[in-house]
Amino acid sequence: MFSEKYPNLDYWIYSQGWIEMGSDHYSSSLIRILDEGGMYYEDEESTSLDEALEKADRWMATEIEERFGEEPVKRYDD
């Protein structure tokens, strides 16, 4: 289900790094995208986890194309 709704995040998790969800002692963001080099994305503006995941998947679509030169799993046209 996750991979169908957020395929670009799924790509990241299985090939590059990981995501963290929920606030912790260091951040109040709902979602963070990381790899061994550190944090690449953090959403502190979303008011729901669904909104945060949607924004992160859209961001990841651009990142996959620009950073890795690959076609994103799902492309967003807006």
PDB file of N, CA and C in Angstrom:
ATOM      1  N   MET A   1       0.822  -1.188   0.000  1.00  0.00           N
ATOM      2  CA  MET A   1       0.000   0.000   0.000  1.00  0.00           C
ATOM      3  C   MET A   1       0.875   1.265   0.000  1.00  0.00           C
ATOM      4  N   PHE A   2       1.883   1.322   0.874  1.00  0.00           N
ATOM      5  CA  PHE A   2       2.776   2.476   0.923  1.00  0.00           C
ATOM      6  C   PHE A   2       3.435   2.690  -0.430  1.00  0.00           C
ATOM      7  N   SER A   3       3.933   1.611  -1.016  1.00  0.00           N
ATOM      8  CA  SER A   3       4.653   1.724  -2.294  1.00  0.00           C
ATOM      9  C   SER A   3       3.748   2.179  -3.430  1.00  0.00           C
ATOM     10  N   GLU A   4       2.469   1.904  -3.347  1.00  0.00           N
ATOM     11  CA  GLU A   4       1.539   2.356  -4.380  1.00  0.00           C
ATOM     12  C   GLU A   4       1.219   3.844  -4.222  1.00  0.00           C
ATOM     13  N   LYS A   5       1.096   4.294  -2.993  1.00  0.00           N
ATOM     14  CA  LYS A   5       0.710   5.682  -2.750  1.00  0.00           C
ATOM     15  C   LYS A   5       1.916   6.627  -2.810  1.00  0.00           C
ATOM     16  N   TYR A   6       3.085   6.145  -2.385  1.00  0.00           N
ATOM     17  CA  TYR A   6       4.290   6.977  -2.347  1.00  0.00           C
ATOM     18  C   TYR A   6       5.458   6.240  -3.012  1.00  0.00           C
ATOM     19  N   PRO A   7       5.381   6.017  -4.307  1.00  0.00           N
ATOM     20  CA  PRO A   7       6.382   5.186  -4.979  1.00  0.00           C
ATOM     21  C   PRO A   7       7.787   5.771  -5.006  1.00  0.00           C
ATOM     22  N   ASN A   8       7.920   7.083  -5.013  1.00  0.00           N
ATOM     23  CA  ASN A   8       9.257   7.680  -5.022  1.00  0.00           C
ATOM     24  C   ASN A   8       9.938   7.529  -3.666  1.00  0.00           C
ATOM     25  N   LEU A   9       9.172   7.620  -2.594  1.00  0.00           N
ATOM     26  CA  LEU A   9       9.733   7.365  -1.267  1.00  0.00           C
ATOM     27  C   LEU A   9      10.112   5.894  -1.126  1.00  0.00           C
ATOM     28  N   ASP A  10       9.295   5.025  -1.677  1.00  0.00           N
ATOM     29  CA  ASP A  10       9.603   3.593  -1.663  1.00  0.00           C
ATOM     30  C   ASP A  10      10.928   3.327  -2.374  1.00  0.00           C
ATOM     31  N   TYR A  11      11.126   3.964  -3.515  1.00  0.00           N
ATOM     32  CA  TYR A  11      12.399   3.847  -4.248  1.00  0.00           C
ATOM     33  C   TYR A  11      13.558   4.247  -3.336  1.00  0.00           C
ATOM     34  N   TRP A  12      13.420   5.379  -2.661  1.00  0.00           N
ATOM     35  CA  TRP A  12      14.485   5.880  -1.794  1.00  0.00           C
ATOM     36  C   TRP A  12      14.801   4.877  -0.676  1.00  0.00           C
ATOM     37  N   ILE A  13      13.764   4.381  -0.037  1.00  0.00           N
ATOM     38  CA  ILE A  13      13.945   3.468   1.088  1.00  0.00           C
ATOM     39  C   ILE A  13      14.660   2.187   0.659  1.00  0.00           C
ATOM     40  N   TYR A  14      14.324   1.670  -0.500  1.00  0.00           N
ATOM     41  CA  TYR A  14      14.911   0.404  -0.939  1.00  0.00           C
ATOM     42  C   TYR A  14      16.225   0.554  -1.686  1.00  0.00           C
ATOM     43  N   SER A  15      16.606   1.774  -2.077  1.00  0.00           N
ATOM     44  CA  SER A  15      17.837   1.884  -2.857  1.00  0.00           C
ATOM     45  C   SER A  15      18.847   2.904  -2.337  1.00  0.00           C
ATOM     46  N   GLN A  16      18.438   3.831  -1.482  1.00  0.00           N
ATOM     47  CA  GLN A  16      19.346   4.915  -1.119  1.00  0.00           C
ATOM     48  C   GLN A  16      19.487   5.159   0.377  1.00  0.00           C
ATOM     49  N   GLY A  17      18.385   5.262   1.095  1.00  0.00           N
ATOM     50  CA  GLY A  17      18.463   5.679   2.488  1.00  0.00           C
ATOM     51  C   GLY A  17      17.223   5.300   3.266  1.00  0.00           C
ATOM     52  N   TRP A  18      16.718   6.214   4.073  1.00  0.00           N
ATOM     53  CA  TRP A  18      15.554   5.933   4.889  1.00  0.00           C
ATOM     54  C   TRP A  18      14.772   7.215   5.136  1.00  0.00           C
ATOM     55  N   ILE A  19      13.582   7.033   5.681  1.00  0.00           N
ATOM     56  CA  ILE A  19      12.780   8.166   6.102  1.00  0.00           C
ATOM     57  C   ILE A  19      12.476   7.998   7.589  1.00  0.00           C
ATOM     58  N   GLU A  20      12.286   9.107   8.247  1.00  0.00           N
ATOM     59  CA  GLU A  20      11.856   9.112   9.636  1.00  0.00           C
ATOM     60  C   GLU A  20      10.554   9.877   9.698  1.00  0.00           C
ATOM     61  N   MET A  21       9.626   9.385  10.502  1.00  0.00           N
ATOM     62  CA  MET A  21       8.338  10.045  10.645  1.00  0.00           C
ATOM     63  C   MET A  21       8.087  10.354  12.109  1.00  0.00           C
ATOM     64  N   GLY A  22       7.523  11.508  12.354  1.00  0.00           N
ATOM     65  CA  GLY A  22       7.174  11.915  13.700  1.00  0.00           C
ATOM     66  C   GLY A  22       8.221  12.808  14.326  1.00  0.00           C
ATOM     67  N   SER A  23       7.804  13.560  15.312  1.00  0.00           N
ATOM     68  CA  SER A  23       8.726  14.458  15.996  1.00  0.00           C
ATOM     69  C   SER A  23       9.636  13.667  16.932  1.00  0.00           C
ATOM     70  N   ASP A  24      10.788  14.249  17.227  1.00  0.00           N
ATOM     71  CA  ASP A  24      11.712  13.651  18.177  1.00  0.00           C
ATOM     72  C   ASP A  24      12.358  14.767  18.986  1.00  0.00           C
ATOM     73  N   HIS A  25      13.404  14.480  19.711  1.00  0.00           N
ATOM     74  CA  HIS A  25      14.054  15.486  20.558  1.00  0.00           C
ATOM     75  C   HIS A  25      14.738  16.583  19.749  1.00  0.00           C
ATOM     76  N   TYR A  26      14.983  16.335  18.461  1.00  0.00           N
ATOM     77  CA  TYR A  26      15.736  17.271  17.638  1.00  0.00           C
ATOM     78  C   TYR A  26      14.877  18.030  16.636  1.00  0.00           C
ATOM     79  N   SER A  27      13.690  17.518  16.337  1.00  0.00           N
ATOM     80  CA  SER A  27      12.881  18.120  15.286  1.00  0.00           C
ATOM     81  C   SER A  27      11.394  17.899  15.545  1.00  0.00           C
ATOM     82  N   SER A  28      10.592  18.865  15.143  1.00  0.00           N
ATOM     83  CA  SER A  28       9.146  18.724  15.261  1.00  0.00           C
ATOM     84  C   SER A  28       8.508  18.363  13.918  1.00  0.00           C
ATOM     85  N   SER A  29       9.328  18.094  12.916  1.00  0.00           N
ATOM     86  CA  SER A  29       8.797  17.786  11.583  1.00  0.00           C
ATOM     87  C   SER A  29       8.088  16.438  11.583  1.00  0.00           C
ATOM     88  N   LEU A  30       7.160  16.300  10.630  1.00  0.00           N
ATOM     89  CA  LEU A  30       6.437  15.038  10.507  1.00  0.00           C
ATOM     90  C   LEU A  30       7.214  14.003   9.695  1.00  0.00           C
ATOM     91  N   ILE A  31       8.093  14.464   8.801  1.00  0.00           N
ATOM     92  CA  ILE A  31       8.856  13.523   7.981  1.00  0.00           C
ATOM     93  C   ILE A  31      10.230  14.103   7.661  1.00  0.00           C
ATOM     94  N   ARG A  32      11.205  13.211   7.642  1.00  0.00           N
ATOM     95  CA  ARG A  32      12.573  13.563   7.275  1.00  0.00           C
ATOM     96  C   ARG A  32      13.104  12.495   6.336  1.00  0.00           C
ATOM     97  N   ILE A  33      13.870  12.906   5.330  1.00  0.00           N
ATOM     98  CA  ILE A  33      14.484  11.977   4.378  1.00  0.00           C
ATOM     99  C   ILE A  33      15.992  12.053   4.593  1.00  0.00           C
ATOM    100  N   LEU A  34      16.608  10.884   4.821  1.00  0.00           N
ATOM    101  CA  LEU A  34      18.033  10.838   5.160  1.00  0.00           C
ATOM    102  C   LEU A  34      18.750   9.713   4.424  1.00  0.00           C
ATOM    103  N   ASP A  35      20.079   9.833   4.393  1.00  0.00           N
ATOM    104  CA  ASP A  35      20.938   8.719   4.021  1.00  0.00           C
ATOM    105  C   ASP A  35      22.198   8.836   4.860  1.00  0.00           C
ATOM    106  N   GLU A  36      23.206   8.072   4.556  1.00  0.00           N
ATOM    107  CA  GLU A  36      24.426   8.082   5.367  1.00  0.00           C
ATOM    108  C   GLU A  36      25.075   9.463   5.443  1.00  0.00           C
ATOM    109  N   GLY A  37      24.816  10.314   4.457  1.00  0.00           N
ATOM    110  CA  GLY A  37      25.389  11.654   4.430  1.00  0.00           C
ATOM    111  C   GLY A  37      24.642  12.661   5.277  1.00  0.00           C
ATOM    112  N   GLY A  38      23.471  12.313   5.743  1.00  0.00           N
ATOM    113  CA  GLY A  38      22.698  13.230   6.571  1.00  0.00           C
ATOM    114  C   GLY A  38      21.284  13.419   6.061  1.00  0.00           C
ATOM    115  N   MET A  39      20.673  14.517   6.480  1.00  0.00           N
ATOM    116  CA  MET A  39      19.293  14.802   6.120  1.00  0.00           C
ATOM    117  C   MET A  39      19.230  15.593   4.816  1.00  0.00           C
ATOM    118  N   TYR A  40      18.314  15.182   3.940  1.00  0.00           N
ATOM    119  CA  TYR A  40      18.124  15.850   2.657  1.00  0.00           C
ATOM    120  C   TYR A  40      16.831  16.641   2.594  1.00  0.00           C
ATOM    121  N   TYR A  41      15.865  16.232   3.381  1.00  0.00           N
ATOM    122  CA  TYR A  41      14.557  16.880   3.309  1.00  0.00           C
ATOM    123  C   TYR A  41      13.904  16.799   4.678  1.00  0.00           C
ATOM    124  N   GLU A  42      13.235  17.884   5.042  1.00  0.00           N
ATOM    125  CA  GLU A  42      12.480  17.921   6.297  1.00  0.00           C
ATOM    126  C   GLU A  42      11.263  18.797   6.079  1.00  0.00           C
ATOM    127  N   ASP A  43      10.102  18.310   6.468  1.00  0.00           N
ATOM    128  CA  ASP A  43       8.862  19.062   6.301  1.00  0.00           C
ATOM    129  C   ASP A  43       8.354  19.492   7.672  1.00  0.00           C
ATOM    130  N   GLU A  44       8.421  20.767   7.938  1.00  0.00           N
ATOM    131  CA  GLU A  44       7.931  21.306   9.206  1.00  0.00           C
ATOM    132  C   GLU A  44       6.638  22.088   9.038  1.00  0.00           C
ATOM    133  N   GLU A  45       6.058  22.060   7.842  1.00  0.00           N
ATOM    134  CA  GLU A  45       4.866  22.863   7.580  1.00  0.00           C
ATOM    135  C   GLU A  45       3.580  22.055   7.491  1.00  0.00           C
ATOM    136  N   SER A  46       3.658  20.794   7.148  1.00  0.00           N
ATOM    137  CA  SER A  46       2.453  19.984   6.968  1.00  0.00           C
ATOM    138  C   SER A  46       1.716  19.796   8.287  1.00  0.00           C
ATOM    139  N   THR A  47       0.404  19.682   8.181  1.00  0.00           N
ATOM    140  CA  THR A  47      -0.419  19.510   9.377  1.00  0.00           C
ATOM    141  C   THR A  47      -0.915  18.087   9.556  1.00  0.00           C
ATOM    142  N   SER A  48      -0.631  17.209   8.582  1.00  0.00           N
ATOM    143  CA  SER A  48      -1.005  15.802   8.716  1.00  0.00           C
ATOM    144  C   SER A  48       0.095  14.942   8.096  1.00  0.00           C
ATOM    145  N   LEU A  49       0.172  13.714   8.526  1.00  0.00           N
ATOM    146  CA  LEU A  49       1.175  12.810   7.983  1.00  0.00           C
ATOM    147  C   LEU A  49       0.931  12.545   6.510  1.00  0.00           C
ATOM    148  N   ASP A  50      -0.323  12.405   6.104  1.00  0.00           N
ATOM    149  CA  ASP A  50      -0.623  12.205   4.680  1.00  0.00           C
ATOM    150  C   ASP A  50      -0.107  13.366   3.840  1.00  0.00           C
ATOM    151  N   GLU A  51      -0.336  14.583   4.299  1.00  0.00           N
ATOM    152  CA  GLU A  51       0.147  15.755   3.579  1.00  0.00           C
ATOM    153  C   GLU A  51       1.672  15.751   3.509  1.00  0.00           C
ATOM    154  N   ALA A  52       2.325  15.429   4.612  1.00  0.00           N
ATOM    155  CA  ALA A  52       3.788  15.399   4.652  1.00  0.00           C
ATOM    156  C   ALA A  52       4.348  14.345   3.709  1.00  0.00           C
ATOM    157  N   LEU A  53       3.744  13.172   3.681  1.00  0.00           N
ATOM    158  CA  LEU A  53       4.206  12.101   2.792  1.00  0.00           C
ATOM    159  C   LEU A  53       4.004  12.471   1.331  1.00  0.00           C
ATOM    160  N   GLU A  54       2.884  13.090   1.017  1.00  0.00           N
ATOM    161  CA  GLU A  54       2.609  13.528  -0.357  1.00  0.00           C
ATOM    162  C   GLU A  54       3.655  14.554  -0.816  1.00  0.00           C
ATOM    163  N   LYS A  55       3.940  15.544   0.024  1.00  0.00           N
ATOM    164  CA  LYS A  55       4.945  16.551  -0.321  1.00  0.00           C
ATOM    165  C   LYS A  55       6.323  15.913  -0.492  1.00  0.00           C
ATOM    166  N   ALA A  56       6.645  14.987   0.402  1.00  0.00           N
ATOM    167  CA  ALA A  56       7.949  14.324   0.329  1.00  0.00           C
ATOM    168  C   ALA A  56       8.068  13.478  -0.936  1.00  0.00           C
ATOM    169  N   ASP A  57       7.000  12.805  -1.342  1.00  0.00           N
ATOM    170  CA  ASP A  57       7.044  11.999  -2.559  1.00  0.00           C
ATOM    171  C   ASP A  57       7.217  12.893  -3.787  1.00  0.00           C
ATOM    172  N   ARG A  58       6.565  14.032  -3.782  1.00  0.00           N
ATOM    173  CA  ARG A  58       6.728  14.995  -4.876  1.00  0.00           C
ATOM    174  C   ARG A  58       8.160  15.533  -4.909  1.00  0.00           C
ATOM    175  N   TRP A  59       8.702  15.877  -3.753  1.00  0.00           N
ATOM    176  CA  TRP A  59      10.078  16.353  -3.680  1.00  0.00           C
ATOM    177  C   TRP A  59      11.032  15.284  -4.172  1.00  0.00           C
ATOM    178  N   MET A  60      10.789  14.041  -3.773  1.00  0.00           N
ATOM    179  CA  MET A  60      11.665  12.944  -4.158  1.00  0.00           C
ATOM    180  C   MET A  60      11.625  12.710  -5.663  1.00  0.00           C
ATOM    181  N   ALA A  61      10.493  12.930  -6.299  1.00  0.00           N
ATOM    182  CA  ALA A  61      10.409  12.773  -7.758  1.00  0.00           C
ATOM    183  C   ALA A  61      11.416  13.686  -8.441  1.00  0.00           C
ATOM    184  N   THR A  62      11.490  14.923  -8.000  1.00  0.00           N
ATOM    185  CA  THR A  62      12.455  15.877  -8.556  1.00  0.00           C
ATOM    186  C   THR A  62      13.876  15.458  -8.217  1.00  0.00           C
ATOM    187  N   GLU A  63      14.082  15.022  -6.997  1.00  0.00           N
ATOM    188  CA  GLU A  63      15.413  14.630  -6.536  1.00  0.00           C
ATOM    189  C   GLU A  63      15.947  13.422  -7.319  1.00  0.00           C
ATOM    190  N   ILE A  64      15.096  12.458  -7.570  1.00  0.00           N
ATOM    191  CA  ILE A  64      15.518  11.266  -8.331  1.00  0.00           C
ATOM    192  C   ILE A  64      16.011  11.687  -9.705  1.00  0.00           C
ATOM    193  N   GLU A  65      15.290  12.589 -10.331  1.00  0.00           N
ATOM    194  CA  GLU A  65      15.661  13.050 -11.668  1.00  0.00           C
ATOM    195  C   GLU A  65      16.932  13.908 -11.638  1.00  0.00           C
ATOM    196  N   GLU A  66      16.987  14.884 -10.737  1.00  0.00           N
ATOM    197  CA  GLU A  66      18.120  15.814 -10.719  1.00  0.00           C
ATOM    198  C   GLU A  66      19.378  15.211 -10.095  1.00  0.00           C
ATOM    199  N   ARG A  67      19.233  14.484  -9.022  1.00  0.00           N
ATOM    200  CA  ARG A  67      20.394  13.947  -8.307  1.00  0.00           C
ATOM    201  C   ARG A  67      20.952  12.685  -8.936  1.00  0.00           C
ATOM    202  N   PHE A  68      20.056  11.810  -9.375  1.00  0.00           N
ATOM    203  CA  PHE A  68      20.495  10.519  -9.894  1.00  0.00           C
ATOM    204  C   PHE A  68      20.388  10.408 -11.411  1.00  0.00           C
ATOM    205  N   GLY A  69      19.764  11.387 -12.052  1.00  0.00           N
ATOM    206  CA  GLY A  69      19.606  11.357 -13.493  1.00  0.00           C
ATOM    207  C   GLY A  69      18.721  10.224 -13.974  1.00  0.00           C
ATOM    208  N   GLU A  70      17.793   9.820 -13.123  1.00  0.00           N
ATOM    209  CA  GLU A  70      16.889   8.719 -13.450  1.00  0.00           C
ATOM    210  C   GLU A  70      15.459   9.224 -13.553  1.00  0.00           C
ATOM    211  N   GLU A  71      14.647   8.441 -14.182  1.00  0.00           N
ATOM    212  CA  GLU A  71      13.223   8.738 -14.286  1.00  0.00           C
ATOM    213  C   GLU A  71      12.557   8.406 -12.949  1.00  0.00           C
ATOM    214  N   PRO A  72      11.837   9.360 -12.341  1.00  0.00           N
ATOM    215  CA  PRO A  72      11.148   9.034 -11.091  1.00  0.00           C
ATOM    216  C   PRO A  72      10.092   7.957 -11.317  1.00  0.00           C
ATOM    217  N   VAL A  73       9.817   7.209 -10.280  1.00  0.00           N
ATOM    218  CA  VAL A  73       8.809   6.156 -10.367  1.00  0.00           C
ATOM    219  C   VAL A  73       7.457   6.768 -10.712  1.00  0.00           C
ATOM    220  N   LYS A  74       7.132   7.873 -10.076  1.00  0.00           N
ATOM    221  CA  LYS A  74       5.903   8.611 -10.364  1.00  0.00           C
ATOM    222  C   LYS A  74       6.281  10.054 -10.606  1.00  0.00           C
ATOM    223  N   ARG A  75       5.824  10.602 -11.700  1.00  0.00           N
ATOM    224  CA  ARG A  75       6.111  11.998 -12.043  1.00  0.00           C
ATOM    225  C   ARG A  75       4.871  12.841 -11.705  1.00  0.00           C
ATOM    226  N   TYR A  76       5.134  13.990 -11.145  1.00  0.00           N
ATOM    227  CA  TYR A  76       4.073  14.960 -10.838  1.00  0.00           C
ATOM    228  C   TYR A  76       4.228  16.117 -11.812  1.00  0.00           C
ATOM    229  N   ASP A  77       3.142  16.497 -12.442  1.00  0.00           N
ATOM    230  CA  ASP A  77       3.206  17.516 -13.485  1.00  0.00           C
ATOM    231  C   ASP A  77       2.918  18.930 -13.004  1.00  0.00           C
ATOM    232  N   ASP A  78       2.600  19.102 -11.730  1.00  0.00           N
ATOM    233  CA  ASP A  78       2.286  20.466 -11.281  1.00  0.00           C
ATOM    234  C   ASP A  78       3.429  21.130 -10.605  1.00  0.00           C
TER     235      ASP A  78
END
